[in-house]
């Protein structure tokens, strides 16, 4: 996360194990989800606390404004840490890349055994963050946002599902698996709340409807 001193604070380094070992960071289940997702009542309260405002300009935006994936420790970057955290039976090589394991994608209910089939999704897309407040952040704060391992911001999901989402927010994109809408809305709302980002009115309405499925 981003500290008041303006420094990027990297979490999760203590989770790293020796290269080549089986990493059980997914809790022994291929249905692992990111940490920090609030319950529905908390998410409803957080949604009510968000500032509703039109989306800002995309002027000046590029993904380079949100440096990722940065190195967490040794040769292990944030993407590799998410794969280790949320996978089942993950083994890694000396370069920290996963060599085996399985990954459950909550968005569509698919399970994959090749990392090439798995993308790491930013729950609140980088471009969406830019137009809802992140354009005014420092690079360091944007880097912390793009690499946040301690909130429900980073998800291991099916690659083409992530690509279909792009930079869309819940008024225009929802997970294909409708049973995931509650969890998705709780996570999305919480990330926006944590980082003080705004929502537009259609986005607020969509999140409220999705939380109503909980």
C-alpha atoms as a PDB file:
ATOM      1  CA  UNK A   1       0.000   0.000   0.000  1.00  0.00           C
ATOM      2  CA  UNK A   2       0.939   3.677  -0.080  1.00  0.00           C
ATOM      3  CA  UNK A   3       2.225   5.181   3.169  1.00  0.00           C
ATOM      4  CA  UNK A   4       1.844   8.755   4.366  1.00  0.00           C
ATOM      5  CA  UNK A   5       5.550   9.243   3.803  1.00  0.00           C
ATOM      6  CA  UNK A   6       4.955   8.726   0.094  1.00  0.00           C
ATOM      7  CA  UNK A   7       6.944   5.498  -0.098  1.00  0.00           C
ATOM      8  CA  UNK A   8       5.750   2.325  -1.747  1.00  0.00           C
ATOM      9  CA  UNK A   9       5.320  -0.346   0.880  1.00  0.00           C
ATOM     10  CA  UNK A  10       5.614  -3.824  -0.637  1.00  0.00           C
ATOM     11  CA  UNK A  11       3.637  -6.579   1.049  1.00  0.00           C
ATOM     12  CA  UNK A  12       3.900 -10.313   0.700  1.00  0.00           C
ATOM     13  CA  UNK A  13       7.680 -10.696   0.554  1.00  0.00           C
ATOM     14  CA  UNK A  14       7.540 -12.855   3.679  1.00  0.00           C
ATOM     15  CA  UNK A  15       5.375 -15.306   1.742  1.00  0.00           C
ATOM     16  CA  UNK A  16       8.194 -16.279  -0.576  1.00  0.00           C
ATOM     17  CA  UNK A  17       9.634 -19.733  -0.137  1.00  0.00           C
ATOM     18  CA  UNK A  18      12.688 -21.356  -1.593  1.00  0.00           C
ATOM     19  CA  UNK A  19      12.541 -21.656  -5.372  1.00  0.00           C
ATOM     20  CA  UNK A  20      11.386 -25.053  -6.519  1.00  0.00           C
ATOM     21  CA  UNK A  21       9.303 -25.750  -3.413  1.00  0.00           C
ATOM     22  CA  UNK A  22       5.597 -26.416  -3.433  1.00  0.00           C
ATOM     23  CA  UNK A  23       3.938 -23.184  -2.401  1.00  0.00           C
ATOM     24  CA  UNK A  24       0.681 -23.590  -0.492  1.00  0.00           C
ATOM     25  CA  UNK A  25      -0.351 -19.963  -0.395  1.00  0.00           C
ATOM     26  CA  UNK A  26      -3.779 -20.719  -1.835  1.00  0.00           C
ATOM     27  CA  UNK A  27      -4.928 -22.356   1.371  1.00  0.00           C
ATOM     28  CA  UNK A  28      -4.908 -25.818  -0.223  1.00  0.00           C
ATOM     29  CA  UNK A  29      -7.733 -24.988  -2.588  1.00  0.00           C
ATOM     30  CA  UNK A  30      -7.759 -24.038  -6.249  1.00  0.00           C
ATOM     31  CA  UNK A  31     -10.705 -21.790  -5.386  1.00  0.00           C
ATOM     32  CA  UNK A  32      -8.461 -19.229  -3.700  1.00  0.00           C
ATOM     33  CA  UNK A  33      -9.541 -15.600  -3.771  1.00  0.00           C
ATOM     34  CA  UNK A  34      -7.628 -12.421  -2.925  1.00  0.00           C
ATOM     35  CA  UNK A  35      -7.610 -11.136   0.652  1.00  0.00           C
ATOM     36  CA  UNK A  36      -9.581  -8.303   2.191  1.00  0.00           C
ATOM     37  CA  UNK A  37     -13.025  -8.703   0.626  1.00  0.00           C
ATOM     38  CA  UNK A  38     -15.587  -7.181   3.017  1.00  0.00           C
ATOM     39  CA  UNK A  39     -18.997  -8.627   3.778  1.00  0.00           C
ATOM     40  CA  UNK A  40     -22.002  -7.292   1.907  1.00  0.00           C
ATOM     41  CA  UNK A  41     -23.133  -4.929   4.670  1.00  0.00           C
ATOM     42  CA  UNK A  42     -19.686  -3.344   4.877  1.00  0.00           C
ATOM     43  CA  UNK A  43     -19.505  -3.019   1.102  1.00  0.00           C
ATOM     44  CA  UNK A  44     -22.940  -1.347   1.041  1.00  0.00           C
ATOM     45  CA  UNK A  45     -21.716   1.147   3.618  1.00  0.00           C
ATOM     46  CA  UNK A  46     -18.518   1.774   1.653  1.00  0.00           C
ATOM     47  CA  UNK A  47     -20.499   2.280  -1.544  1.00  0.00           C
ATOM     48  CA  UNK A  48     -22.648   4.870   0.184  1.00  0.00           C
ATOM     49  CA  UNK A  49     -19.453   6.663   1.219  1.00  0.00           C
ATOM     50  CA  UNK A  50     -18.016   6.962  -2.286  1.00  0.00           C
ATOM     51  CA  UNK A  51     -18.120  10.302  -4.069  1.00  0.00           C
ATOM     52  CA  UNK A  52     -20.340  10.172  -7.144  1.00  0.00           C
ATOM     53  CA  UNK A  53     -18.867  12.186 -10.016  1.00  0.00           C
ATOM     54  CA  UNK A  54     -18.585  11.988 -13.793  1.00  0.00           C
ATOM     55  CA  UNK A  55     -15.538  10.205 -15.139  1.00  0.00           C
ATOM     56  CA  UNK A  56     -12.548  12.434 -15.658  1.00  0.00           C
ATOM     57  CA  UNK A  57     -10.445  12.849 -18.765  1.00  0.00           C
ATOM     58  CA  UNK A  58      -8.128  10.156 -20.107  1.00  0.00           C
ATOM     59  CA  UNK A  59      -5.620  12.853 -21.122  1.00  0.00           C
ATOM     60  CA  UNK A  60      -2.115  11.788 -20.201  1.00  0.00           C
ATOM     61  CA  UNK A  61      -3.029   8.186 -19.449  1.00  0.00           C
ATOM     62  CA  UNK A  62      -0.819   5.249 -20.258  1.00  0.00           C
ATOM     63  CA  UNK A  63      -0.225   1.972 -18.457  1.00  0.00           C
ATOM     64  CA  UNK A  64       3.323   3.212 -17.842  1.00  0.00           C
ATOM     65  CA  UNK A  65       1.771   5.649 -15.362  1.00  0.00           C
ATOM     66  CA  UNK A  66       1.102   2.571 -13.161  1.00  0.00           C
ATOM     67  CA  UNK A  67       4.443   0.689 -13.028  1.00  0.00           C
ATOM     68  CA  UNK A  68       3.827  -3.056 -12.816  1.00  0.00           C
ATOM     69  CA  UNK A  69       4.752  -5.804 -12.281  1.00  0.00           C
ATOM     70  CA  UNK A  70       7.443  -4.689  -9.887  1.00  0.00           C
ATOM     71  CA  UNK A  71       9.923  -6.942  -8.124  1.00  0.00           C
ATOM     72  CA  UNK A  72       8.770  -8.123  -4.715  1.00  0.00           C
ATOM     73  CA  UNK A  73      11.890 -10.025  -3.715  1.00  0.00           C
ATOM     74  CA  UNK A  74      14.763 -11.565  -5.633  1.00  0.00           C
ATOM     75  CA  UNK A  75      13.473 -12.379  -9.121  1.00  0.00           C
ATOM     76  CA  UNK A  76       9.840 -12.680  -8.031  1.00  0.00           C
ATOM     77  CA  UNK A  77       7.477 -10.019  -9.350  1.00  0.00           C
ATOM     78  CA  UNK A  78       3.901  -9.200  -8.412  1.00  0.00           C
ATOM     79  CA  UNK A  79       2.335 -11.379 -11.106  1.00  0.00           C
ATOM     80  CA  UNK A  80       4.311 -14.386  -9.899  1.00  0.00           C
ATOM     81  CA  UNK A  81       3.297 -13.681  -6.322  1.00  0.00           C
ATOM     82  CA  UNK A  82      -0.401 -13.661  -7.249  1.00  0.00           C
ATOM     83  CA  UNK A  83      -0.022 -16.959  -9.091  1.00  0.00           C
ATOM     84  CA  UNK A  84       1.615 -18.447  -6.003  1.00  0.00           C
ATOM     85  CA  UNK A  85      -0.891 -16.900  -3.610  1.00  0.00           C
ATOM     86  CA  UNK A  86      -4.040 -17.962  -5.426  1.00  0.00           C
ATOM     87  CA  UNK A  87      -3.034 -21.228  -7.101  1.00  0.00           C
ATOM     88  CA  UNK A  88      -3.251 -24.793  -5.883  1.00  0.00           C
ATOM     89  CA  UNK A  89      -0.155 -27.016  -5.693  1.00  0.00           C
ATOM     90  CA  UNK A  90       2.041 -24.355  -7.263  1.00  0.00           C
ATOM     91  CA  UNK A  91       5.679 -25.206  -7.907  1.00  0.00           C
ATOM     92  CA  UNK A  92       8.193 -22.644  -9.125  1.00  0.00           C
ATOM     93  CA  UNK A  93      11.556 -22.766 -10.850  1.00  0.00           C
ATOM     94  CA  UNK A  94      14.757 -20.966  -9.977  1.00  0.00           C
ATOM     95  CA  UNK A  95      13.524 -17.904 -11.888  1.00  0.00           C
ATOM     96  CA  UNK A  96      10.390 -17.785  -9.682  1.00  0.00           C
ATOM     97  CA  UNK A  97       8.091 -18.632 -12.613  1.00  0.00           C
ATOM     98  CA  UNK A  98       5.413 -21.227 -11.868  1.00  0.00           C
ATOM     99  CA  UNK A  99       6.230 -24.589 -13.465  1.00  0.00           C
ATOM    100  CA  UNK A 100       3.080 -26.410 -12.372  1.00  0.00           C
ATOM    101  CA  UNK A 101      -0.144 -25.908 -10.448  1.00  0.00           C
ATOM    102  CA  UNK A 102      -3.776 -25.063 -11.111  1.00  0.00           C
ATOM    103  CA  UNK A 103      -5.711 -21.809 -11.007  1.00  0.00           C
ATOM    104  CA  UNK A 104      -9.444 -21.333 -10.552  1.00  0.00           C
ATOM    105  CA  UNK A 105     -10.931 -18.276 -12.280  1.00  0.00           C
ATOM    106  CA  UNK A 106     -13.827 -16.929 -10.175  1.00  0.00           C
ATOM    107  CA  UNK A 107     -15.141 -14.794 -13.029  1.00  0.00           C
ATOM    108  CA  UNK A 108     -16.130 -17.777 -15.187  1.00  0.00           C
ATOM    109  CA  UNK A 109     -15.620 -20.856 -13.024  1.00  0.00           C
ATOM    110  CA  UNK A 110     -12.844 -22.314 -15.215  1.00  0.00           C
ATOM    111  CA  UNK A 111      -9.719 -24.023 -13.865  1.00  0.00           C
ATOM    112  CA  UNK A 112      -6.402 -23.825 -15.733  1.00  0.00           C
ATOM    113  CA  UNK A 113      -3.101 -25.660 -15.400  1.00  0.00           C
ATOM    114  CA  UNK A 114      -1.023 -23.459 -17.744  1.00  0.00           C
ATOM    115  CA  UNK A 115      -0.030 -19.976 -16.663  1.00  0.00           C
ATOM    116  CA  UNK A 116      -0.378 -18.837 -20.278  1.00  0.00           C
ATOM    117  CA  UNK A 117      -4.148 -19.238 -19.821  1.00  0.00           C
ATOM    118  CA  UNK A 118      -4.170 -17.012 -16.740  1.00  0.00           C
ATOM    119  CA  UNK A 119      -4.076 -13.220 -16.572  1.00  0.00           C
ATOM    120  CA  UNK A 120      -3.708 -11.120 -13.447  1.00  0.00           C
ATOM    121  CA  UNK A 121      -6.658  -8.751 -13.511  1.00  0.00           C
ATOM    122  CA  UNK A 122      -6.770  -5.394 -11.770  1.00  0.00           C
ATOM    123  CA  UNK A 123     -10.191  -5.453 -10.135  1.00  0.00           C
ATOM    124  CA  UNK A 124     -10.437  -1.688 -10.660  1.00  0.00           C
ATOM    125  CA  UNK A 125      -8.786  -1.311 -14.077  1.00  0.00           C
ATOM    126  CA  UNK A 126      -5.855   1.074 -14.285  1.00  0.00           C
ATOM    127  CA  UNK A 127      -7.576   3.287 -16.850  1.00  0.00           C
ATOM    128  CA  UNK A 128     -10.746   3.344 -14.744  1.00  0.00           C
ATOM    129  CA  UNK A 129      -8.698   4.421 -11.744  1.00  0.00           C
ATOM    130  CA  UNK A 130      -7.088   7.178 -13.827  1.00  0.00           C
ATOM    131  CA  UNK A 131     -10.425   8.703 -14.773  1.00  0.00           C
ATOM    132  CA  UNK A 132     -11.785   8.419 -11.223  1.00  0.00           C
ATOM    133  CA  UNK A 133      -8.990  10.121  -9.319  1.00  0.00           C
ATOM    134  CA  UNK A 134      -5.654   8.407  -9.942  1.00  0.00           C
ATOM    135  CA  UNK A 135      -4.635  10.998 -12.545  1.00  0.00           C
ATOM    136  CA  UNK A 136      -3.859  13.257  -9.589  1.00  0.00           C
ATOM    137  CA  UNK A 137      -1.775  10.689  -7.716  1.00  0.00           C
ATOM    138  CA  UNK A 138       1.992  10.416  -7.611  1.00  0.00           C
ATOM    139  CA  UNK A 139       3.673   7.673  -9.612  1.00  0.00           C
ATOM    140  CA  UNK A 140       4.544   5.958  -6.325  1.00  0.00           C
ATOM    141  CA  UNK A 141       0.893   5.784  -5.283  1.00  0.00           C
ATOM    142  CA  UNK A 142      -0.117   4.461  -8.696  1.00  0.00           C
ATOM    143  CA  UNK A 143       2.606   1.820  -8.459  1.00  0.00           C
ATOM    144  CA  UNK A 144       1.326   0.753  -5.048  1.00  0.00           C
ATOM    145  CA  UNK A 145      -2.201   0.499  -6.471  1.00  0.00           C
ATOM    146  CA  UNK A 146      -1.105  -1.575  -9.468  1.00  0.00           C
ATOM    147  CA  UNK A 147       0.845  -4.038  -7.294  1.00  0.00           C
ATOM    148  CA  UNK A 148      -1.377  -4.256  -4.200  1.00  0.00           C
ATOM    149  CA  UNK A 149      -1.192  -7.800  -2.821  1.00  0.00           C
ATOM    150  CA  UNK A 150      -3.095  -7.089   0.397  1.00  0.00           C
ATOM    151  CA  UNK A 151      -6.418  -5.828  -0.973  1.00  0.00           C
ATOM    152  CA  UNK A 152      -8.772  -7.581  -3.441  1.00  0.00           C
ATOM    153  CA  UNK A 153      -7.265  -5.630  -6.352  1.00  0.00           C
ATOM    154  CA  UNK A 154      -5.342  -8.445  -8.093  1.00  0.00           C
ATOM    155  CA  UNK A 155      -7.119 -11.588  -9.367  1.00  0.00           C
ATOM    156  CA  UNK A 156      -5.877 -14.636 -11.271  1.00  0.00           C
ATOM    157  CA  UNK A 157      -8.493 -15.166 -13.986  1.00  0.00           C
ATOM    158  CA  UNK A 158      -9.014 -16.657 -17.440  1.00  0.00           C
ATOM    159  CA  UNK A 159      -7.021 -14.593 -19.928  1.00  0.00           C
ATOM    160  CA  UNK A 160      -9.726 -13.966 -22.533  1.00  0.00           C
ATOM    161  CA  UNK A 161     -12.270 -13.077 -19.839  1.00  0.00           C
ATOM    162  CA  UNK A 162      -9.868 -10.470 -18.497  1.00  0.00           C
ATOM    163  CA  UNK A 163      -9.319  -9.172 -22.013  1.00  0.00           C
ATOM    164  CA  UNK A 164     -13.067  -8.873 -22.576  1.00  0.00           C
ATOM    165  CA  UNK A 165     -13.282  -6.749 -19.435  1.00  0.00           C
ATOM    166  CA  UNK A 166     -10.545  -4.337 -20.534  1.00  0.00           C
ATOM    167  CA  UNK A 167     -10.945  -1.017 -18.715  1.00  0.00           C
ATOM    168  CA  UNK A 168     -14.703  -1.379 -18.201  1.00  0.00           C
ATOM    169  CA  UNK A 169     -16.445  -0.858 -14.874  1.00  0.00           C
ATOM    170  CA  UNK A 170     -19.559  -2.681 -13.593  1.00  0.00           C
ATOM    171  CA  UNK A 171     -22.131  -0.625 -15.492  1.00  0.00           C
ATOM    172  CA  UNK A 172     -20.742  -2.060 -18.744  1.00  0.00           C
ATOM    173  CA  UNK A 173     -19.037  -5.327 -17.700  1.00  0.00           C
ATOM    174  CA  UNK A 174     -19.867  -8.028 -15.171  1.00  0.00           C
ATOM    175  CA  UNK A 175     -18.353 -11.484 -14.652  1.00  0.00           C
ATOM    176  CA  UNK A 176     -19.923 -14.108 -16.940  1.00  0.00           C
ATOM    177  CA  UNK A 177     -20.655 -16.227 -13.850  1.00  0.00           C
ATOM    178  CA  UNK A 178     -23.635 -14.472 -12.276  1.00  0.00           C
ATOM    179  CA  UNK A 179     -23.060 -16.183  -8.937  1.00  0.00           C
ATOM    180  CA  UNK A 180     -19.813 -14.181  -8.765  1.00  0.00           C
ATOM    181  CA  UNK A 181     -21.535 -10.796  -8.966  1.00  0.00           C
ATOM    182  CA  UNK A 182     -21.869 -10.400  -5.195  1.00  0.00           C
ATOM    183  CA  UNK A 183     -18.196 -11.093  -4.522  1.00  0.00           C
ATOM    184  CA  UNK A 184     -17.122  -8.987  -7.493  1.00  0.00           C
ATOM    185  CA  UNK A 185     -19.143  -5.976  -6.345  1.00  0.00           C
ATOM    186  CA  UNK A 186     -17.858  -6.286  -2.779  1.00  0.00           C
ATOM    187  CA  UNK A 187     -14.254  -6.384  -3.990  1.00  0.00           C
ATOM    188  CA  UNK A 188     -14.662  -3.600  -6.558  1.00  0.00           C
ATOM    189  CA  UNK A 189     -16.395  -1.298  -4.075  1.00  0.00           C
ATOM    190  CA  UNK A 190     -13.768  -1.963  -1.420  1.00  0.00           C
ATOM    191  CA  UNK A 191     -10.851  -1.119  -3.709  1.00  0.00           C
ATOM    192  CA  UNK A 192     -12.505   2.132  -4.763  1.00  0.00           C
ATOM    193  CA  UNK A 193     -13.161   2.926  -1.109  1.00  0.00           C
ATOM    194  CA  UNK A 194      -9.616   2.107   0.024  1.00  0.00           C
ATOM    195  CA  UNK A 195      -8.093   4.390  -2.574  1.00  0.00           C
ATOM    196  CA  UNK A 196     -10.630   7.206  -2.386  1.00  0.00           C
ATOM    197  CA  UNK A 197     -11.691   6.846  -6.014  1.00  0.00           C
ATOM    198  CA  UNK A 198     -14.970   8.210  -7.339  1.00  0.00           C
ATOM    199  CA  UNK A 199     -17.809   6.341  -9.064  1.00  0.00           C
ATOM    200  CA  UNK A 200     -20.074   7.643 -11.796  1.00  0.00           C
ATOM    201  CA  UNK A 201     -23.826   7.362 -11.269  1.00  0.00           C
ATOM    202  CA  UNK A 202     -24.293   4.375 -13.598  1.00  0.00           C
ATOM    203  CA  UNK A 203     -21.405   2.569 -11.937  1.00  0.00           C
ATOM    204  CA  UNK A 204     -22.867   3.248  -8.480  1.00  0.00           C
ATOM    205  CA  UNK A 205     -26.244   1.875  -9.590  1.00  0.00           C
ATOM    206  CA  UNK A 206     -24.671  -1.255 -11.071  1.00  0.00           C
ATOM    207  CA  UNK A 207     -22.672  -1.924  -7.920  1.00  0.00           C
ATOM    208  CA  UNK A 208     -25.772  -1.457  -5.784  1.00  0.00           C
ATOM    209  CA  UNK A 209     -27.703  -3.934  -7.927  1.00  0.00           C
ATOM    210  CA  UNK A 210     -24.886  -6.475  -7.785  1.00  0.00           C
ATOM    211  CA  UNK A 211     -24.630  -6.130  -4.006  1.00  0.00           C
ATOM    212  CA  UNK A 212     -28.359  -6.822  -3.938  1.00  0.00           C
ATOM    213  CA  UNK A 213     -27.588 -10.360  -5.147  1.00  0.00           C
ATOM    214  CA  UNK A 214     -25.632 -11.140  -1.986  1.00  0.00           C
END
